[in-house]
C-alpha atoms as a PDB file:
ATOM      1  CA  MET A   1      18.221  14.502  -7.204  1.00  0.00           C
ATOM      2  CA  ALA A   2      14.845  14.382  -5.177  1.00  0.00           C
ATOM      3  CA  GLN A   3      13.219  11.431  -6.043  1.00  0.00           C
ATOM      4  CA  ALA A   4      15.659  10.387  -3.582  1.00  0.00           C
ATOM      5  CA  ALA A   5      14.756  13.230  -0.891  1.00  0.00           C
ATOM      6  CA  ARG A   6      11.411  11.840  -1.446  1.00  0.00           C
ATOM      7  CA  ARG A   7      12.062   7.943  -0.839  1.00  0.00           C
ATOM      8  CA  GLN A   8      14.288   8.551   2.430  1.00  0.00           C
ATOM      9  CA  GLU A   9      11.004  10.639   3.692  1.00  0.00           C
ATOM     10  CA  ARG A  10       8.716   7.733   2.488  1.00  0.00           C
ATOM     11  CA  ARG A  11      10.605   5.595   4.273  1.00  0.00           C
ATOM     12  CA  GLN A  12      11.975   7.902   7.844  1.00  0.00           C
ATOM     13  CA  ALA A  13       8.292   8.179   7.884  1.00  0.00           C
ATOM     14  CA  GLY A  14       7.356   4.288   7.836  1.00  0.00           C
ATOM     15  CA  MET A  15       5.606   4.637   4.468  1.00  0.00           C
ATOM     16  CA  PRO A  16       4.922   0.765   3.917  1.00  0.00           C
ATOM     17  CA  VAL A  17       4.827   1.676  -0.492  1.00  0.00           C
ATOM     18  CA  ARG A  18       5.834   1.193  -3.274  1.00  0.00           C
ATOM     19  CA  ARG A  19       5.035   2.775  -7.226  1.00  0.00           C
ATOM     20  CA  TRP A  20       3.960  -0.380  -9.547  1.00  0.00           C
ATOM     21  CA  ARG A  21       3.908  -0.800 -13.210  1.00  0.00           C
ATOM     22  CA  GLY A  22       2.949  -3.857 -15.026  1.00  0.00           C
ATOM     23  CA  ARG A  23       4.974  -4.351 -18.492  1.00  0.00           C
ATOM     24  CA  ARG A  24       1.396  -3.815 -20.362  1.00  0.00           C
ATOM     25  CA  GLU A  25       0.980  -0.894 -17.633  1.00  0.00           C
ATOM     26  CA  ARG A  26       0.619   2.588 -19.611  1.00  0.00           C
ATOM     27  CA  SER A  27      -0.501   3.914 -15.767  1.00  0.00           C
ATOM     28  CA  ALA A  28       1.591   3.186 -12.438  1.00  0.00           C
ATOM     29  CA  ALA A  29      -0.562   2.877  -9.608  1.00  0.00           C
ATOM     30  CA  TRP A  30       0.388   2.538  -5.554  1.00  0.00           C
ATOM     31  CA  VAL A  31       0.838  -0.613  -4.009  1.00  0.00           C
ATOM     32  CA  PHE A  32       2.314  -2.448  -0.528  1.00  0.00           C
ATOM     33  CA  VAL A  33       5.653  -3.300  -0.598  1.00  0.00           C
ATOM     34  CA  GLY A  34       6.476  -6.803  -1.826  1.00  0.00           C
ATOM     35  CA  THR A  35       2.912  -7.079  -3.244  1.00  0.00           C
ATOM     36  CA  ARG A  36       0.873  -5.584  -6.226  1.00  0.00           C
ATOM     37  CA  VAL A  37      -2.344  -4.624  -3.378  1.00  0.00           C
ATOM     38  CA  PRO A  38      -3.090  -0.948  -4.757  1.00  0.00           C
ATOM     39  CA  LEU A  39      -3.078   0.765  -1.555  1.00  0.00           C
ATOM     40  CA  SER A  40      -6.527   1.916  -2.418  1.00  0.00           C
ATOM     41  CA  ALA A  41      -7.310  -1.723  -0.501  1.00  0.00           C
ATOM     42  CA  PRO A  42      -7.562  -1.509   1.819  1.00  0.00           C
ATOM     43  CA  HIS A  43     -10.248   1.967   1.747  1.00  0.00           C
ATOM     44  CA  GLU A  44     -12.816   0.046  -0.415  1.00  0.00           C
ATOM     45  CA  ASN A  45     -12.896  -3.048   1.821  1.00  0.00           C
ATOM     46  CA  LEU A  46     -13.173  -1.326   4.986  1.00  0.00           C
ATOM     47  CA  ALA A  47     -15.856   1.099   3.031  1.00  0.00           C
ATOM     48  CA  ASP A  48     -18.149  -2.116   2.731  1.00  0.00           C
ATOM     49  CA  ARG A  49     -17.738  -3.104   6.381  1.00  0.00           C
ATOM     50  CA  ALA A  50     -14.413  -5.583   6.330  1.00  0.00           C
ATOM     51  CA  THR A  51     -13.011  -5.530   9.933  1.00  0.00           C
ATOM     52  CA  VAL A  52      -8.420  -4.781   9.401  1.00  0.00           C
ATOM     53  CA  ASP A  53      -7.969  -8.249  10.241  1.00  0.00           C
ATOM     54  CA  GLU A  54     -10.710  -9.985   7.472  1.00  0.00           C
ATOM     55  CA  PHE A  55      -8.505  -7.561   5.122  1.00  0.00           C
ATOM     56  CA  VAL A  56      -4.502  -8.887   5.892  1.00  0.00           C
ATOM     57  CA  GLU A  57      -6.456 -12.345   5.655  1.00  0.00           C
ATOM     58  CA  LEU A  58      -7.576 -11.734   2.386  1.00  0.00           C
ATOM     59  CA  PHE A  59      -4.158 -10.937   1.391  1.00  0.00           C
ATOM     60  CA  PRO A  60      -1.480 -12.252   2.969  1.00  0.00           C
ATOM     61  CA  GLY A  61       1.171  -9.813   1.831  1.00  0.00           C
ATOM     62  CA  VAL A  62      -0.267  -6.715   3.734  1.00  0.00           C
ATOM     63  CA  ASP A  63       0.127  -6.732   8.169  1.00  0.00           C
ATOM     64  CA  ARG A  64      -2.382  -4.875  10.132  1.00  0.00           C
ATOM     65  CA  ARG A  65       0.673  -2.175  11.049  1.00  0.00           C
ATOM     66  CA  GLN A  66       0.937  -1.651   7.003  1.00  0.00           C
ATOM     67  CA  VAL A  67      -3.232  -0.752   6.639  1.00  0.00           C
ATOM     68  CA  HIS A  68      -3.371   1.592   9.959  1.00  0.00           C
ATOM     69  CA  ALA A  69      -0.351   3.553   8.449  1.00  0.00           C
ATOM     70  CA  VAL A  70      -2.355   3.944   5.701  1.00  0.00           C
ATOM     71  CA  THR A  71      -6.051   4.362   6.481  1.00  0.00           C
ATOM     72  CA  ALA A  72      -4.315   6.886   9.592  1.00  0.00           C
END
C-alpha cells in the first residue's frame, strides 16, 4: 500500500522516473520513463558543460521538461 501511495505522489508531482532492473543486474537504477537513461546522466553531462539542448539531442527518449524536473 505504501508503494502505491508513493507512486501516486510521484505521478502527481510530474516525476519522470521509474526504477529499472536489468536481467543480470543485482541493483536497480532510477531512469527516465520509457528509457534506460539514468537520472544521473543529466547531472554528469551538465557538469561537463553540456547544454540541456545537447543532452536532449544525445538522448532522444528524454525531453527538456524531464531534464528540468530532475535538475531543479
